[in-house]
Each structure stands twice: as structure tokens, then as C-alpha cells.
């Protein structure tokens, strides 16, 4: 929605019922979806028309208009959980658009509000790790996500990828193996193990084995 109901109709909060009807009728004619043939323009018009109809239905009824005006005069403060989820959702959008700095700030907001939410920590860590100056902080955030949700294979795989990128092959192997214990077909974990290569074989026991060891102790 572009703004509140009055903004959508292009009228003042003091507008009369007649002015509300007039504004709605004019915009309904000008912005009706049937007037547009281009798919993008038509889709935009459909979204606007939904908002326009909602605005008119609210403001054309005296009771609903009074309730709406009261909400505008006394806005409800959003609870922290709502703020965090909104920041997280917007952060995902920014990440998809490759606007990583904005994504970091949004994920950081969510993680600061709810540091015990593994989703926020994992998203923050993955985004921070894209900047060479923030890799350490990114690693810490992903490790925290793993601690908070140890049974989520995606977080183990995220950790393995970052560790491998830093050349920490043994730790990357351990994280990838943890992911595969939870999800044996996890493609990222399998790929990481392939990149890391086979683990070093254990050294053979000394000649004589346990017998010589016991003899020396005796």
C-alpha cells in the first residue's frame, strides 16, 4: 500500500463523504485494470485497485471511518517479534537483490532483537561472510545458529562452506559430516566432502601391538 487510505484517495482527513465518493469514482475510472493491456501495468493497476477499494469501503462508512481515524491518531507500537520478522523478510529481499549492506543491517536488527533465533543468526552470518572484513563475525553468527539449532542440516552445511572457504578443511569436514548425519543426501555437504578429499588414515599400530605395550607396562 502506498500510504494510508486518505493518501490513496488523494484527499484530506477532513474530506466530506461527497468528496470521498468523488475521489473514488475518478480514480476508479482512471486506474481501472481494464484500461491497461501491458501485463506489468495491468498487475500494478490491480494492486492499486485493491487498495483503492479497501480505502473507499473503510472511509465511506461512518463507523469504520471513526475507528480508522482513531487508529491513525493512536498508532499501535509493533511488538518486537513483528519488527524482527519484518526486518528478516526485508533482509531476504535485499539479499536476493545483492544489496548485501542493507541485508546485513536488517538481519542484524532481527538478530539483536531475538539473538536466540537460529534463522536470524544464520542469515546474518552468511551475509557477513561475503565481506572479507566481516568473515570472523559471520563465522561466529553461523556457529551460533548451529548451537541454537544443531539438528538443522542447512546450518551445518552453511558452516562447512564458510570453513572450507577459509581453508579450514578439517573443521569443514566435521561440519559437513554433521550435516550428512542429519540429511544423508545433502548436496552441499557431499560436495564439500568431495572438495576436502579423503581423511588422513590413522597411523598403523606399532609392531607387536598390544602385546608389546602390555609387556612394557609389566
Protein backbone atom coordinates (compact mmCIF):
# COMPACT_ATOMS: atom_id res chain seq x y z
CA UNK A 1 0.00 0.00 0.00
CA UNK A 2 1.31 3.45 -0.99
CA UNK A 3 0.07 5.16 2.18
CA UNK A 4 -2.96 5.47 4.39
CA UNK A 5 -6.49 5.45 3.00
CA UNK A 6 -6.61 9.23 2.65
CA UNK A 7 -3.33 9.25 0.73
CA UNK A 8 -4.60 6.59 -1.66
CA UNK A 9 -7.74 8.56 -2.42
CA UNK A 10 -5.76 11.80 -2.62
CA UNK A 11 -7.95 13.60 -0.09
CA UNK A 12 -7.52 15.29 3.28
CA UNK A 13 -8.57 13.62 6.54
CA UNK A 14 -11.26 16.29 6.83
CA UNK A 15 -12.83 15.35 3.48
CA UNK A 16 -16.61 15.06 3.36
CA UNK A 17 -18.48 11.93 2.31
CA UNK A 18 -19.20 13.54 -1.06
CA UNK A 19 -15.51 14.26 -1.60
CA UNK A 20 -14.64 10.66 -0.75
CA UNK A 21 -17.14 9.32 -3.29
CA UNK A 22 -15.95 11.77 -5.95
CA UNK A 23 -12.28 10.88 -5.44
CA UNK A 24 -13.04 7.17 -5.57
CA UNK A 25 -15.11 7.44 -8.75
CA UNK A 26 -12.42 9.43 -10.53
CA UNK A 27 -9.58 7.09 -9.56
CA UNK A 28 -11.67 4.02 -10.34
CA UNK A 29 -12.11 5.29 -13.89
CA UNK A 30 -8.50 6.37 -14.36
CA UNK A 31 -6.79 3.38 -12.74
CA UNK A 32 -9.16 0.52 -13.54
CA UNK A 33 -7.18 -2.58 -14.59
CA UNK A 34 -9.26 -2.98 -17.76
CA UNK A 35 -7.69 0.21 -19.11
CA UNK A 36 -4.26 -1.42 -19.32
CA UNK A 37 -3.07 -4.03 -21.80
CA UNK A 38 0.57 -4.29 -20.73
CA UNK A 39 0.83 -7.17 -18.22
CA UNK A 40 3.06 -5.26 -15.79
CA UNK A 41 0.89 -2.14 -15.87
CA UNK A 42 -2.25 -4.23 -15.52
CA UNK A 43 -0.85 -6.07 -12.49
CA UNK A 44 0.13 -2.77 -10.88
CA UNK A 45 -3.34 -1.37 -11.54
CA UNK A 46 -4.94 -4.44 -9.98
CA UNK A 47 -2.91 -3.99 -6.80
CA UNK A 48 -3.78 -0.30 -6.64
CA UNK A 49 -7.46 -1.03 -7.26
CA UNK A 50 -7.50 -3.41 -4.28
CA UNK A 51 -6.05 -0.68 -2.06
CA UNK A 52 -8.44 1.88 -3.53
CA UNK A 53 -11.46 -0.31 -2.86
CA UNK A 54 -10.34 -1.02 0.71
CA UNK A 55 -9.82 2.70 1.33
CA UNK A 56 -13.25 3.61 -0.03
CA UNK A 57 -15.05 0.84 1.86
CA UNK A 58 -13.47 1.99 5.11
CA UNK A 59 -13.93 5.74 4.72
CA UNK A 60 -17.41 5.65 3.20
CA UNK A 61 -18.81 4.06 6.36
CA UNK A 62 -19.07 6.43 9.33
CA UNK A 63 -18.33 3.80 11.97
CA UNK A 64 -15.37 2.21 10.22
CA UNK A 65 -14.02 5.67 9.38
CA UNK A 66 -14.12 6.73 13.05
CA UNK A 67 -12.30 3.55 14.04
CA UNK A 68 -9.73 4.08 11.29
CA UNK A 69 -9.16 7.70 12.28
CA UNK A 70 -8.64 6.57 15.87
CA UNK A 71 -6.00 4.08 14.71
CA UNK A 72 -4.19 6.84 12.83
CA UNK A 73 -4.31 9.11 15.86
CA UNK A 74 -3.10 6.39 18.23
CA UNK A 75 -0.86 4.05 16.23
CA UNK A 76 -0.10 0.72 17.85
CA UNK A 77 3.55 0.08 18.54
CA UNK A 78 4.66 -3.05 16.74
CA UNK A 79 5.80 -5.84 19.09
CA UNK A 80 9.49 -6.84 18.91
CA UNK A 81 8.67 -10.18 17.26
CA UNK A 82 6.83 -8.39 14.45
CA UNK A 83 9.70 -5.95 13.98
CA UNK A 84 12.23 -8.77 13.88
CA UNK A 85 10.27 -10.84 11.36
CA UNK A 86 9.71 -7.79 9.17
CA UNK A 87 13.42 -6.97 9.23
CA UNK A 88 14.27 -10.61 8.44
CA UNK A 89 11.86 -10.72 5.49
CA UNK A 90 13.18 -7.45 4.09
CA UNK A 91 16.71 -8.68 4.62
CA UNK A 92 15.99 -11.72 2.47
CA UNK A 93 14.67 -9.43 -0.25
CA UNK A 94 17.79 -7.28 -0.11
CA UNK A 95 19.98 -10.39 -0.22
CA UNK A 96 18.22 -11.61 -3.37
CA UNK A 97 18.82 -8.19 -4.93
CA UNK A 98 22.51 -8.43 -3.94
CA UNK A 99 22.17 -5.38 -1.71
CA UNK A 100 24.27 -7.01 0.96
CA UNK A 101 24.99 -3.99 3.13
CA UNK A 102 21.28 -3.31 3.56
CA UNK A 103 20.67 -7.02 4.17
CA UNK A 104 23.31 -7.10 6.91
CA UNK A 105 21.71 -4.20 8.76
CA UNK A 106 18.26 -5.78 8.56
CA UNK A 107 19.47 -9.21 9.67
CA UNK A 108 21.44 -7.58 12.46
CA UNK A 109 18.28 -5.83 13.65
CA UNK A 110 16.43 -9.14 13.77
CA UNK A 111 19.31 -10.94 15.49
CA UNK A 112 19.73 -8.20 18.09
CA UNK A 113 16.04 -8.34 18.95
CA UNK A 114 15.97 -12.14 19.14
CA UNK A 115 19.52 -13.49 19.45
CA UNK A 116 18.13 -16.94 20.20
CA UNK A 117 16.52 -17.34 16.77
CA UNK A 118 18.79 -19.52 14.63
CA UNK A 119 17.26 -18.24 11.38
CA UNK A 120 18.38 -14.70 12.10
CA UNK A 121 21.88 -15.76 13.12
CA UNK A 122 22.36 -17.95 10.05
CA UNK A 123 21.16 -15.27 7.64
CA UNK A 124 23.35 -12.66 9.30
CA UNK A 125 26.37 -14.95 9.23
CA UNK A 126 26.03 -15.91 5.57
CA UNK A 127 25.70 -12.27 4.54
CA UNK A 128 28.54 -11.02 6.72
CA UNK A 129 30.82 -13.72 5.32
CA UNK A 130 30.51 -12.20 1.84
CA UNK A 131 32.65 -9.28 3.04
CA UNK A 132 36.30 -10.22 3.73
CA UNK A 133 36.39 -7.76 6.63
CA UNK A 134 33.41 -9.40 8.34
CA UNK A 135 34.23 -13.08 7.86
CA UNK A 136 35.11 -13.68 11.52
CA UNK A 137 31.84 -12.15 12.71
CA UNK A 138 29.97 -14.12 10.06
CA UNK A 139 31.56 -17.36 11.21
CA UNK A 140 30.60 -16.62 14.81
CA UNK A 141 26.98 -15.98 13.81
CA UNK A 142 26.71 -19.22 11.83
CA UNK A 143 28.33 -21.17 14.66
CA UNK A 144 25.73 -19.68 16.98
CA UNK A 145 22.97 -20.78 14.60
CA UNK A 146 24.37 -24.32 14.73
CA UNK A 147 24.44 -24.22 18.52
CA UNK A 148 20.86 -22.97 18.65
CA UNK A 149 19.54 -25.49 16.12
CA UNK A 150 22.02 -28.40 15.95
CA UNK A 151 19.55 -30.64 14.11
CA UNK A 152 19.14 -28.34 11.10
CA UNK A 153 21.44 -29.69 8.37
CA UNK A 154 21.37 -26.46 6.37
CA UNK A 155 23.16 -24.59 9.14
CA UNK A 156 25.82 -27.30 9.39
CA UNK A 157 26.30 -27.06 5.61
CA UNK A 158 26.50 -23.25 5.82
CA UNK A 159 29.20 -23.59 8.44
CA UNK A 160 31.09 -26.17 6.38
CA UNK A 161 31.06 -23.92 3.30
CA UNK A 162 32.43 -20.96 5.21
CA UNK A 163 35.10 -23.01 6.94
CA UNK A 164 36.21 -24.50 3.64
CA UNK A 165 36.36 -21.04 2.06
CA UNK A 166 38.76 -20.06 4.86
CA UNK A 167 40.94 -23.10 4.22
CA UNK A 168 39.90 -24.83 7.45
CA UNK A 169 39.45 -28.23 5.85
CA UNK A 170 39.34 -30.39 8.97
CA UNK A 171 36.66 -28.26 10.59
CA UNK A 172 34.79 -28.07 7.28
CA UNK A 173 34.83 -31.86 7.05
CA UNK A 174 33.47 -32.18 10.58
CA UNK A 175 30.60 -29.77 9.86
CA UNK A 176 29.81 -31.47 6.54
CA UNK A 177 29.75 -34.88 8.20
CA UNK A 178 27.41 -33.50 10.86
CA UNK A 179 25.10 -32.25 8.10
CA UNK A 180 25.14 -35.66 6.41
CA UNK A 181 24.27 -37.44 9.62
CA UNK A 182 21.11 -35.35 9.67
CA UNK A 183 20.48 -35.40 5.92
CA UNK A 184 22.48 -38.14 4.14
CA UNK A 185 21.71 -36.75 0.68
CA UNK A 186 22.55 -33.10 1.40
CA UNK A 187 24.17 -31.98 -1.86
CA UNK A 188 26.23 -29.17 -0.36
CA UNK A 189 27.69 -31.38 2.35
CA UNK A 190 28.52 -34.11 -0.18
CA UNK A 191 30.19 -31.58 -2.45
CA UNK A 192 32.25 -30.19 0.43
CA UNK A 193 33.47 -33.66 1.40
CA UNK A 194 34.45 -34.25 -2.21
CA UNK A 195 36.40 -30.98 -2.26
CA UNK A 196 38.09 -31.67 1.05
CA UNK A 197 39.18 -35.12 -0.10
CA UNK A 198 39.61 -38.30 1.91
CA UNK A 199 40.52 -38.01 5.54
CA UNK A 200 44.04 -38.91 6.58
CA UNK A 201 44.25 -42.60 7.56
CA UNK A 202 45.04 -43.41 11.15
CA UNK A 203 48.68 -44.42 11.71
CA UNK A 204 49.21 -48.20 11.99
CA UNK A 205 49.75 -49.62 15.46
CA UNK A 206 53.39 -50.23 16.48
CA UNK A 207 54.95 -53.61 15.75
CA UNK A 208 53.84 -56.15 18.28
CA UNK A 209 50.73 -54.13 19.02
CA UNK A 210 49.00 -54.58 22.32
CA UNK A 211 51.25 -57.49 23.38
CA UNK A 212 54.41 -55.35 23.37
CA UNK A 213 52.61 -52.49 25.07
CA UNK A 214 51.46 -54.75 27.92
CA UNK A 215 54.93 -56.29 28.16
CA UNK A 216 56.49 -52.84 28.59
CA UNK A 217 53.97 -51.97 31.29
CA UNK A 218 54.71 -55.22 33.08
